[in-house]
Each structure stands twice: as C-alpha cells, then as structure tokens.
Amino acid sequence: MPTLIRAYHGDIVTLAVDCIVNAANTTLLGGGGVDGAIHYAAGPELVAECRALRGCRTGEAKITRAYRLPVKRIIHTVGPVWQGGSQREAELLASCYTESLRLAARNLLRSMAFPSISTGAYAYPPREAAEVAIATVRNHPSIDEFFDEILFCCYSAEDYALYKKLLRH
C-alpha cells in the first residue's frame, strides 16, 4: 500500500505519530520556533539527552526519546542557512529529509511529521524548501515499502496552502 503523504495544519507537538522531526540548531540544545516548542513540550530531560549527543552537523540527523510528547521518538536535523542558493543549500536540505527517513526506518517508526525545515530563522524560501522536501520524501527508496504516513506539519496557514498545492502535483 502506498504511503499517505499529506499536509497538516497545526502544532507538531500535539501530533500522535510515531515520531516528529525537529528543525534543530547544531547544538541540539533548543532554540526558537519549532525547536523551542519541541524542547518546551518534551521537558527538561530532552536537553540532557541532547547534550550527550554533542551536537549535529548541517544535513545530518540524530534521534532521542520523546519524554512528555505523544510520540515515540524525536528526530533532530539541522537544516542549512539560506545564502542565496549557491552554497549547496538544496543538497543539505534534502539530506535532512533523507537522514530523518533513514533513522525512522532503522527505528521502526512508520509514521512521522516534518516541520518546514530551515524556513524560519534560517530564511530558506518556503516554496523552494517545500519543493525539496516533497521531492525528497516522494523519491526516497523505501517510502512505500516501509512508511504508513508522512505529514508535512505546517504551523502557518500560508505554509499549509503551499504544501497542499504542491502535493497535488
């Protein structure tokens, strides 16, 4: 059965999927936007576990427990800072999705939710980021063999409309 890939409008910390993806910074110790919301909702134990991971490089992903969140795990990935598109930003952003999917499959997490990685403080243009996200997920080698559902969780109505439109194509 094909994987259900869809846009969802709401707060990622309320979702009851197997795992959520955190758009983290390289320290993994919390920050603003979705990163801060996930750390706040998960509780202080998350910072302690993240500290032991000793950071994460751009384009890579690491996994932790979810603590107070209604999911099994949190996958933390560090997206690229937008620098005009000529500094491998699309490649690094695609790697965030690929590495997150790889970690989810390795940990038998069949449903997951992604935020709009790099589009907040890292200033990646939302449409370009959504195109990379959708193409990377759709073209992942094990997408239909393993995953039941992939959500693109959009906090804003604008992002939700954008993902809904792009997912129709």
N, C-alpha and C. Protein backbone atom coordinates (compact mmCIF):
# COMPACT_ATOMS: atom_id res chain seq x y z
N MET A 1 0.85 -1.19 0.00
CA MET A 1 0.00 0.00 0.00
C MET A 1 0.89 1.25 0.00
N PRO A 2 0.58 2.22 -0.85
CA PRO A 2 1.41 3.43 -0.90
C PRO A 2 1.33 4.24 0.39
N THR A 3 2.41 4.92 0.69
CA THR A 3 2.47 5.78 1.86
C THR A 3 1.56 6.98 1.66
N LEU A 4 0.81 7.32 2.69
CA LEU A 4 -0.01 8.53 2.67
C LEU A 4 0.91 9.71 2.99
N ILE A 5 1.05 10.61 2.05
CA ILE A 5 1.87 11.81 2.23
C ILE A 5 0.92 13.00 2.13
N ARG A 6 0.84 13.78 3.22
CA ARG A 6 -0.12 14.88 3.21
C ARG A 6 0.33 16.05 4.06
N ALA A 7 -0.30 17.18 3.81
CA ALA A 7 -0.06 18.38 4.61
C ALA A 7 -1.02 18.37 5.79
N TYR A 8 -0.55 18.91 6.89
CA TYR A 8 -1.36 19.02 8.10
C TYR A 8 -1.15 20.43 8.66
N HIS A 9 -2.25 21.09 9.04
CA HIS A 9 -2.16 22.44 9.59
C HIS A 9 -2.34 22.36 11.09
N GLY A 10 -1.31 22.69 11.83
CA GLY A 10 -1.40 22.64 13.28
C GLY A 10 -0.05 22.67 13.94
N ASP A 11 -0.05 22.28 15.21
CA ASP A 11 1.15 22.32 16.05
C ASP A 11 1.77 20.92 16.11
N ILE A 12 3.02 20.79 15.71
CA ILE A 12 3.68 19.49 15.62
C ILE A 12 3.77 18.79 16.98
N VAL A 13 3.80 19.53 18.07
CA VAL A 13 3.94 18.89 19.38
C VAL A 13 2.67 18.20 19.85
N THR A 14 1.57 18.38 19.13
CA THR A 14 0.31 17.73 19.52
C THR A 14 0.02 16.46 18.73
N LEU A 15 0.84 16.17 17.74
CA LEU A 15 0.56 15.04 16.85
C LEU A 15 0.86 13.70 17.51
N ALA A 16 0.04 12.71 17.21
CA ALA A 16 0.23 11.35 17.72
C ALA A 16 0.69 10.45 16.58
N VAL A 17 1.88 10.70 16.08
CA VAL A 17 2.53 9.86 15.08
C VAL A 17 3.68 9.14 15.79
N ASP A 18 4.36 8.24 15.10
CA ASP A 18 5.46 7.54 15.75
C ASP A 18 6.61 8.47 16.11
N CYS A 19 6.91 9.44 15.23
CA CYS A 19 7.98 10.39 15.55
C CYS A 19 7.72 11.72 14.88
N ILE A 20 8.30 12.74 15.48
CA ILE A 20 8.29 14.07 14.87
C ILE A 20 9.74 14.45 14.59
N VAL A 21 9.90 15.33 13.62
CA VAL A 21 11.22 15.82 13.27
C VAL A 21 11.35 17.24 13.81
N ASN A 22 12.48 17.50 14.44
CA ASN A 22 12.77 18.81 14.98
C ASN A 22 13.74 19.53 14.06
N ALA A 23 13.38 20.74 13.67
CA ALA A 23 14.29 21.61 12.91
C ALA A 23 15.22 22.26 13.93
N ALA A 24 16.31 21.57 14.23
CA ALA A 24 17.21 21.93 15.32
C ALA A 24 18.34 22.85 14.86
N ASN A 25 19.08 23.35 15.83
CA ASN A 25 20.33 24.03 15.52
C ASN A 25 21.46 23.05 15.82
N THR A 26 22.68 23.43 15.51
CA THR A 26 23.80 22.48 15.61
C THR A 26 24.11 22.04 17.04
N THR A 27 23.69 22.79 18.04
CA THR A 27 23.95 22.39 19.43
C THR A 27 22.97 21.32 19.90
N LEU A 28 21.79 21.26 19.29
CA LEU A 28 20.67 20.39 19.69
C LEU A 28 20.10 20.76 21.07
N LEU A 29 20.45 21.91 21.59
CA LEU A 29 20.05 22.26 22.95
C LEU A 29 18.83 23.17 23.02
N GLY A 30 18.10 23.30 21.93
CA GLY A 30 16.90 24.14 21.91
C GLY A 30 17.19 25.49 21.30
N GLY A 31 16.14 26.16 20.92
CA GLY A 31 16.28 27.46 20.28
C GLY A 31 14.91 28.07 20.12
N GLY A 32 14.72 28.76 19.01
CA GLY A 32 13.44 29.40 18.75
C GLY A 32 12.56 28.54 17.86
N GLY A 33 11.41 29.06 17.54
CA GLY A 33 10.49 28.40 16.60
C GLY A 33 10.11 26.99 17.02
N VAL A 34 10.07 26.09 16.05
CA VAL A 34 9.66 24.71 16.31
C VAL A 34 10.63 24.03 17.28
N ASP A 35 11.90 24.35 17.20
CA ASP A 35 12.90 23.77 18.09
C ASP A 35 12.58 24.10 19.55
N GLY A 36 12.31 25.35 19.82
CA GLY A 36 11.96 25.76 21.18
C GLY A 36 10.66 25.13 21.65
N ALA A 37 9.67 25.06 20.76
CA ALA A 37 8.38 24.47 21.11
C ALA A 37 8.52 22.99 21.46
N ILE A 38 9.32 22.27 20.69
CA ILE A 38 9.53 20.84 20.95
C ILE A 38 10.27 20.64 22.26
N HIS A 39 11.31 21.40 22.50
CA HIS A 39 12.04 21.27 23.76
C HIS A 39 11.16 21.61 24.95
N TYR A 40 10.37 22.66 24.84
CA TYR A 40 9.48 23.05 25.93
C TYR A 40 8.46 21.96 26.23
N ALA A 41 7.83 21.44 25.16
CA ALA A 41 6.79 20.42 25.35
C ALA A 41 7.36 19.09 25.84
N ALA A 42 8.56 18.74 25.40
CA ALA A 42 9.16 17.46 25.80
C ALA A 42 9.63 17.50 27.25
N GLY A 43 10.05 18.65 27.73
CA GLY A 43 10.52 18.78 29.10
C GLY A 43 12.04 18.80 29.20
N PRO A 44 12.55 19.08 30.39
CA PRO A 44 13.99 19.28 30.59
C PRO A 44 14.85 18.03 30.34
N GLU A 45 14.27 16.87 30.39
CA GLU A 45 15.05 15.65 30.14
C GLU A 45 15.59 15.62 28.72
N LEU A 46 14.88 16.25 27.79
CA LEU A 46 15.33 16.26 26.40
C LEU A 46 16.67 16.99 26.26
N VAL A 47 16.84 18.10 26.95
CA VAL A 47 18.10 18.84 26.86
C VAL A 47 19.25 17.97 27.37
N ALA A 48 19.02 17.25 28.44
CA ALA A 48 20.07 16.39 29.00
C ALA A 48 20.48 15.32 27.98
N GLU A 49 19.52 14.69 27.34
CA GLU A 49 19.85 13.67 26.34
C GLU A 49 20.55 14.31 25.14
N CYS A 50 20.06 15.45 24.69
CA CYS A 50 20.69 16.14 23.55
C CYS A 50 22.11 16.57 23.87
N ARG A 51 22.36 17.00 25.08
CA ARG A 51 23.71 17.40 25.47
C ARG A 51 24.68 16.23 25.29
N ALA A 52 24.24 15.03 25.62
CA ALA A 52 25.09 13.84 25.48
C ALA A 52 25.38 13.50 24.01
N LEU A 53 24.53 13.98 23.09
CA LEU A 53 24.75 13.72 21.66
C LEU A 53 25.86 14.60 21.06
N ARG A 54 26.22 15.65 21.76
CA ARG A 54 27.31 16.55 21.35
C ARG A 54 27.10 17.19 19.98
N GLY A 55 25.89 17.65 19.75
CA GLY A 55 25.61 18.41 18.55
C GLY A 55 25.31 17.57 17.32
N CYS A 56 25.09 18.28 16.23
CA CYS A 56 24.73 17.65 14.96
C CYS A 56 25.13 18.61 13.84
N ARG A 57 25.69 18.05 12.79
CA ARG A 57 26.10 18.88 11.66
C ARG A 57 24.93 19.11 10.70
N THR A 58 25.03 20.18 9.94
CA THR A 58 24.02 20.51 8.94
C THR A 58 23.85 19.35 7.96
N GLY A 59 22.59 18.99 7.72
CA GLY A 59 22.27 17.90 6.80
C GLY A 59 22.23 16.53 7.45
N GLU A 60 22.62 16.45 8.71
CA GLU A 60 22.60 15.18 9.43
C GLU A 60 21.40 15.13 10.38
N ALA A 61 21.19 13.97 11.00
CA ALA A 61 20.06 13.80 11.92
C ALA A 61 20.46 12.89 13.06
N LYS A 62 19.87 13.13 14.22
CA LYS A 62 20.06 12.29 15.40
C LYS A 62 18.71 12.05 16.06
N ILE A 63 18.60 10.97 16.83
CA ILE A 63 17.32 10.58 17.40
C ILE A 63 17.39 10.55 18.92
N THR A 64 16.28 10.95 19.56
CA THR A 64 16.17 10.91 21.01
C THR A 64 14.81 10.35 21.42
N ARG A 65 14.69 10.13 22.70
CA ARG A 65 13.38 9.80 23.27
C ARG A 65 12.51 11.05 23.18
N ALA A 66 11.21 10.88 23.43
CA ALA A 66 10.27 12.00 23.27
C ALA A 66 9.78 12.57 24.60
N TYR A 67 10.03 11.88 25.69
CA TYR A 67 9.67 12.34 27.02
C TYR A 67 8.18 12.66 27.12
N ARG A 68 7.81 13.91 27.29
CA ARG A 68 6.40 14.27 27.54
C ARG A 68 5.55 14.40 26.27
N LEU A 69 6.15 14.21 25.12
CA LEU A 69 5.40 14.33 23.85
C LEU A 69 4.65 13.03 23.55
N PRO A 70 3.54 13.11 22.79
CA PRO A 70 2.74 11.92 22.49
C PRO A 70 3.27 11.10 21.32
N VAL A 71 4.59 11.06 21.17
CA VAL A 71 5.24 10.30 20.10
C VAL A 71 6.29 9.38 20.73
N LYS A 72 6.79 8.43 19.94
CA LYS A 72 7.81 7.51 20.46
C LYS A 72 9.20 8.14 20.48
N ARG A 73 9.51 8.91 19.44
CA ARG A 73 10.85 9.47 19.29
C ARG A 73 10.80 10.85 18.65
N ILE A 74 11.90 11.58 18.83
CA ILE A 74 12.12 12.84 18.15
C ILE A 74 13.38 12.67 17.30
N ILE A 75 13.29 13.04 16.04
CA ILE A 75 14.46 13.05 15.17
C ILE A 75 14.85 14.52 15.00
N HIS A 76 16.09 14.84 15.33
CA HIS A 76 16.59 16.20 15.25
C HIS A 76 17.47 16.32 14.01
N THR A 77 17.19 17.31 13.19
CA THR A 77 18.00 17.53 12.00
C THR A 77 18.31 19.01 11.87
N VAL A 78 19.46 19.29 11.31
CA VAL A 78 19.92 20.68 11.20
C VAL A 78 19.91 21.08 9.72
N GLY A 79 19.00 21.98 9.39
CA GLY A 79 18.90 22.47 8.03
C GLY A 79 19.92 23.55 7.74
N PRO A 80 20.10 23.84 6.46
CA PRO A 80 21.05 24.88 6.07
C PRO A 80 20.49 26.29 6.24
N VAL A 81 21.38 27.21 6.51
CA VAL A 81 21.03 28.63 6.49
C VAL A 81 21.03 29.05 5.02
N TRP A 82 19.98 29.72 4.58
CA TRP A 82 19.87 30.19 3.19
C TRP A 82 20.92 31.26 2.93
N GLN A 83 21.72 31.05 1.88
CA GLN A 83 22.74 32.02 1.49
C GLN A 83 22.62 32.35 0.01
N GLY A 84 21.41 32.29 -0.50
CA GLY A 84 21.18 32.63 -1.89
C GLY A 84 21.03 31.43 -2.82
N GLY A 85 21.28 30.24 -2.32
CA GLY A 85 21.08 29.03 -3.11
C GLY A 85 22.32 28.45 -3.77
N SER A 86 23.45 29.11 -3.61
CA SER A 86 24.66 28.64 -4.28
C SER A 86 25.64 27.93 -3.35
N GLN A 87 25.23 27.67 -2.12
CA GLN A 87 26.13 27.06 -1.13
C GLN A 87 25.65 25.65 -0.75
N ARG A 88 25.14 24.91 -1.72
CA ARG A 88 24.67 23.53 -1.52
C ARG A 88 23.44 23.44 -0.61
N GLU A 89 22.67 24.53 -0.48
CA GLU A 89 21.53 24.54 0.42
C GLU A 89 20.52 23.46 0.07
N ALA A 90 20.20 23.29 -1.21
CA ALA A 90 19.20 22.28 -1.61
C ALA A 90 19.69 20.88 -1.29
N GLU A 91 20.96 20.62 -1.53
CA GLU A 91 21.55 19.31 -1.23
C GLU A 91 21.52 19.03 0.28
N LEU A 92 21.88 20.02 1.06
CA LEU A 92 21.89 19.86 2.52
C LEU A 92 20.48 19.70 3.08
N LEU A 93 19.53 20.46 2.53
CA LEU A 93 18.15 20.34 2.98
C LEU A 93 17.60 18.96 2.62
N ALA A 94 17.85 18.49 1.42
CA ALA A 94 17.40 17.14 1.03
C ALA A 94 18.00 16.10 1.96
N SER A 95 19.25 16.28 2.34
CA SER A 95 19.90 15.35 3.26
C SER A 95 19.19 15.30 4.62
N CYS A 96 18.66 16.42 5.08
CA CYS A 96 17.90 16.44 6.33
C CYS A 96 16.73 15.47 6.25
N TYR A 97 16.00 15.51 5.15
CA TYR A 97 14.85 14.62 4.98
C TYR A 97 15.29 13.17 4.80
N THR A 98 16.31 12.94 3.98
CA THR A 98 16.80 11.59 3.74
C THR A 98 17.30 10.95 5.03
N GLU A 99 18.11 11.68 5.78
CA GLU A 99 18.67 11.14 7.02
C GLU A 99 17.58 10.91 8.07
N SER A 100 16.58 11.77 8.11
CA SER A 100 15.47 11.59 9.05
C SER A 100 14.66 10.35 8.70
N LEU A 101 14.39 10.15 7.42
CA LEU A 101 13.67 8.96 6.99
C LEU A 101 14.47 7.69 7.28
N ARG A 102 15.78 7.75 7.08
CA ARG A 102 16.65 6.60 7.35
C ARG A 102 16.61 6.24 8.84
N LEU A 103 16.70 7.25 9.71
CA LEU A 103 16.64 6.99 11.14
C LEU A 103 15.29 6.44 11.56
N ALA A 104 14.23 6.99 10.99
CA ALA A 104 12.89 6.49 11.32
C ALA A 104 12.74 5.02 10.94
N ALA A 105 13.16 4.67 9.74
CA ALA A 105 13.06 3.28 9.29
C ALA A 105 13.92 2.36 10.16
N ARG A 106 15.13 2.79 10.47
CA ARG A 106 16.03 1.98 11.30
C ARG A 106 15.43 1.72 12.69
N ASN A 107 14.61 2.67 13.18
CA ASN A 107 14.00 2.54 14.50
C ASN A 107 12.54 2.08 14.45
N LEU A 108 12.12 1.58 13.28
CA LEU A 108 10.77 1.02 13.09
C LEU A 108 9.66 2.01 13.39
N LEU A 109 9.88 3.27 12.99
CA LEU A 109 8.90 4.34 13.17
C LEU A 109 8.21 4.55 11.83
N ARG A 110 6.98 4.11 11.72
CA ARG A 110 6.29 4.03 10.43
C ARG A 110 5.49 5.28 10.07
N SER A 111 5.28 6.18 11.01
CA SER A 111 4.58 7.43 10.71
C SER A 111 5.37 8.57 11.33
N MET A 112 5.46 9.66 10.58
CA MET A 112 6.27 10.78 11.07
C MET A 112 5.76 12.10 10.52
N ALA A 113 6.14 13.16 11.24
CA ALA A 113 5.75 14.51 10.83
C ALA A 113 6.99 15.38 10.74
N PHE A 114 7.10 16.10 9.64
CA PHE A 114 8.18 17.05 9.40
C PHE A 114 7.66 18.47 9.54
N PRO A 115 8.42 19.37 10.15
CA PRO A 115 8.10 20.79 10.06
C PRO A 115 8.69 21.34 8.76
N SER A 116 8.54 22.61 8.54
CA SER A 116 9.17 23.26 7.38
C SER A 116 10.61 23.60 7.75
N ILE A 117 11.51 22.69 7.49
CA ILE A 117 12.90 22.82 7.91
C ILE A 117 13.59 23.98 7.19
N SER A 118 14.28 24.80 7.96
CA SER A 118 15.11 25.92 7.50
C SER A 118 14.33 27.16 7.05
N THR A 119 13.01 27.16 7.11
CA THR A 119 12.27 28.31 6.58
C THR A 119 12.03 29.42 7.60
N GLY A 120 12.35 29.18 8.86
CA GLY A 120 12.17 30.21 9.87
C GLY A 120 13.40 31.10 9.95
N ALA A 121 14.11 30.99 11.06
CA ALA A 121 15.30 31.82 11.30
C ALA A 121 16.39 31.60 10.25
N TYR A 122 16.39 30.42 9.59
CA TYR A 122 17.42 30.13 8.60
C TYR A 122 17.07 30.68 7.21
N ALA A 123 15.89 31.28 7.06
CA ALA A 123 15.49 32.09 5.91
C ALA A 123 15.44 31.38 4.55
N TYR A 124 15.31 30.06 4.54
CA TYR A 124 15.16 29.34 3.27
C TYR A 124 13.80 29.72 2.68
N PRO A 125 13.72 30.09 1.42
CA PRO A 125 12.44 30.48 0.83
C PRO A 125 11.43 29.31 0.94
N PRO A 126 10.24 29.57 1.47
CA PRO A 126 9.28 28.49 1.73
C PRO A 126 8.94 27.61 0.53
N ARG A 127 8.71 28.20 -0.64
CA ARG A 127 8.34 27.38 -1.80
C ARG A 127 9.48 26.45 -2.19
N GLU A 128 10.69 26.98 -2.27
CA GLU A 128 11.84 26.16 -2.64
C GLU A 128 12.07 25.05 -1.62
N ALA A 129 11.92 25.38 -0.33
CA ALA A 129 12.10 24.38 0.72
C ALA A 129 11.04 23.29 0.61
N ALA A 130 9.79 23.68 0.35
CA ALA A 130 8.71 22.69 0.21
C ALA A 130 8.94 21.78 -0.99
N GLU A 131 9.42 22.34 -2.08
CA GLU A 131 9.70 21.53 -3.27
C GLU A 131 10.78 20.49 -2.99
N VAL A 132 11.84 20.89 -2.28
CA VAL A 132 12.90 19.94 -1.91
C VAL A 132 12.34 18.88 -0.98
N ALA A 133 11.57 19.30 0.01
CA ALA A 133 11.02 18.37 1.00
C ALA A 133 10.14 17.31 0.33
N ILE A 134 9.21 17.75 -0.47
CA ILE A 134 8.25 16.83 -1.10
C ILE A 134 8.96 15.89 -2.06
N ALA A 135 9.84 16.43 -2.90
CA ALA A 135 10.55 15.58 -3.86
C ALA A 135 11.42 14.54 -3.15
N THR A 136 12.10 14.95 -2.09
CA THR A 136 12.98 14.04 -1.36
C THR A 136 12.18 12.92 -0.72
N VAL A 137 11.08 13.25 -0.09
CA VAL A 137 10.25 12.23 0.56
C VAL A 137 9.63 11.30 -0.48
N ARG A 138 9.05 11.87 -1.52
CA ARG A 138 8.41 11.03 -2.55
C ARG A 138 9.40 10.09 -3.23
N ASN A 139 10.64 10.51 -3.40
CA ASN A 139 11.64 9.72 -4.11
C ASN A 139 12.50 8.85 -3.21
N HIS A 140 12.21 8.84 -1.93
CA HIS A 140 13.01 8.01 -1.01
C HIS A 140 12.80 6.53 -1.36
N PRO A 141 13.88 5.75 -1.46
CA PRO A 141 13.77 4.37 -1.93
C PRO A 141 12.80 3.48 -1.15
N SER A 142 12.67 3.67 0.15
CA SER A 142 11.80 2.77 0.92
C SER A 142 10.48 3.41 1.33
N ILE A 143 10.11 4.52 0.67
CA ILE A 143 8.93 5.25 1.12
C ILE A 143 7.68 4.37 1.13
N ASP A 144 7.39 3.68 0.06
CA ASP A 144 6.16 2.87 0.00
C ASP A 144 6.33 1.48 0.60
N GLU A 145 7.55 1.05 0.78
CA GLU A 145 7.80 -0.28 1.35
C GLU A 145 7.70 -0.29 2.87
N PHE A 146 7.93 0.85 3.50
CA PHE A 146 8.01 0.85 4.95
C PHE A 146 7.04 1.81 5.64
N PHE A 147 6.93 3.03 5.15
CA PHE A 147 6.18 4.06 5.87
C PHE A 147 4.68 4.00 5.60
N ASP A 148 3.90 4.23 6.65
CA ASP A 148 2.45 4.29 6.52
C ASP A 148 1.98 5.71 6.21
N GLU A 149 2.57 6.69 6.91
CA GLU A 149 2.12 8.08 6.75
C GLU A 149 3.26 9.04 7.02
N ILE A 150 3.36 10.05 6.16
CA ILE A 150 4.31 11.15 6.32
C ILE A 150 3.49 12.45 6.28
N LEU A 151 3.61 13.23 7.33
CA LEU A 151 2.92 14.52 7.39
C LEU A 151 3.92 15.65 7.24
N PHE A 152 3.53 16.65 6.48
CA PHE A 152 4.26 17.91 6.47
C PHE A 152 3.43 18.84 7.36
N CYS A 153 3.88 19.02 8.58
CA CYS A 153 3.12 19.78 9.56
C CYS A 153 3.43 21.26 9.39
N CYS A 154 2.40 22.00 9.04
CA CYS A 154 2.54 23.43 8.75
C CYS A 154 1.88 24.24 9.85
N TYR A 155 2.64 25.08 10.49
CA TYR A 155 2.13 25.91 11.57
C TYR A 155 1.31 27.07 11.03
N SER A 156 1.73 27.63 9.90
CA SER A 156 1.01 28.78 9.33
C SER A 156 0.04 28.34 8.24
N ALA A 157 -1.00 29.13 8.06
CA ALA A 157 -1.98 28.86 7.00
C ALA A 157 -1.32 28.98 5.63
N GLU A 158 -0.36 29.90 5.49
CA GLU A 158 0.32 30.08 4.21
C GLU A 158 1.13 28.84 3.83
N ASP A 159 1.88 28.29 4.79
CA ASP A 159 2.65 27.08 4.52
C ASP A 159 1.73 25.90 4.20
N TYR A 160 0.64 25.80 4.93
CA TYR A 160 -0.32 24.72 4.70
C TYR A 160 -0.87 24.80 3.27
N ALA A 161 -1.27 25.98 2.83
CA ALA A 161 -1.79 26.15 1.46
C ALA A 161 -0.73 25.79 0.44
N LEU A 162 0.51 26.19 0.69
CA LEU A 162 1.60 25.88 -0.22
C LEU A 162 1.82 24.38 -0.32
N TYR A 163 1.92 23.68 0.78
CA TYR A 163 2.13 22.23 0.75
C TYR A 163 0.95 21.51 0.10
N LYS A 164 -0.26 21.92 0.41
CA LYS A 164 -1.44 21.28 -0.21
C LYS A 164 -1.37 21.40 -1.72
N LYS A 165 -1.03 22.59 -2.19
CA LYS A 165 -0.93 22.82 -3.65
C LYS A 165 0.17 21.96 -4.27
N LEU A 166 1.35 21.97 -3.67
CA LEU A 166 2.47 21.21 -4.24
C LEU A 166 2.26 19.70 -4.16
N LEU A 167 1.58 19.23 -3.15
CA LEU A 167 1.34 17.79 -3.03
C LEU A 167 0.35 17.26 -4.06
N ARG A 168 -0.43 18.13 -4.65
CA ARG A 168 -1.38 17.70 -5.70
C ARG A 168 -0.68 17.37 -7.00
N HIS A 169 0.55 17.83 -7.15
CA HIS A 169 1.28 17.64 -8.42
C HIS A 169 2.18 16.44 -8.35
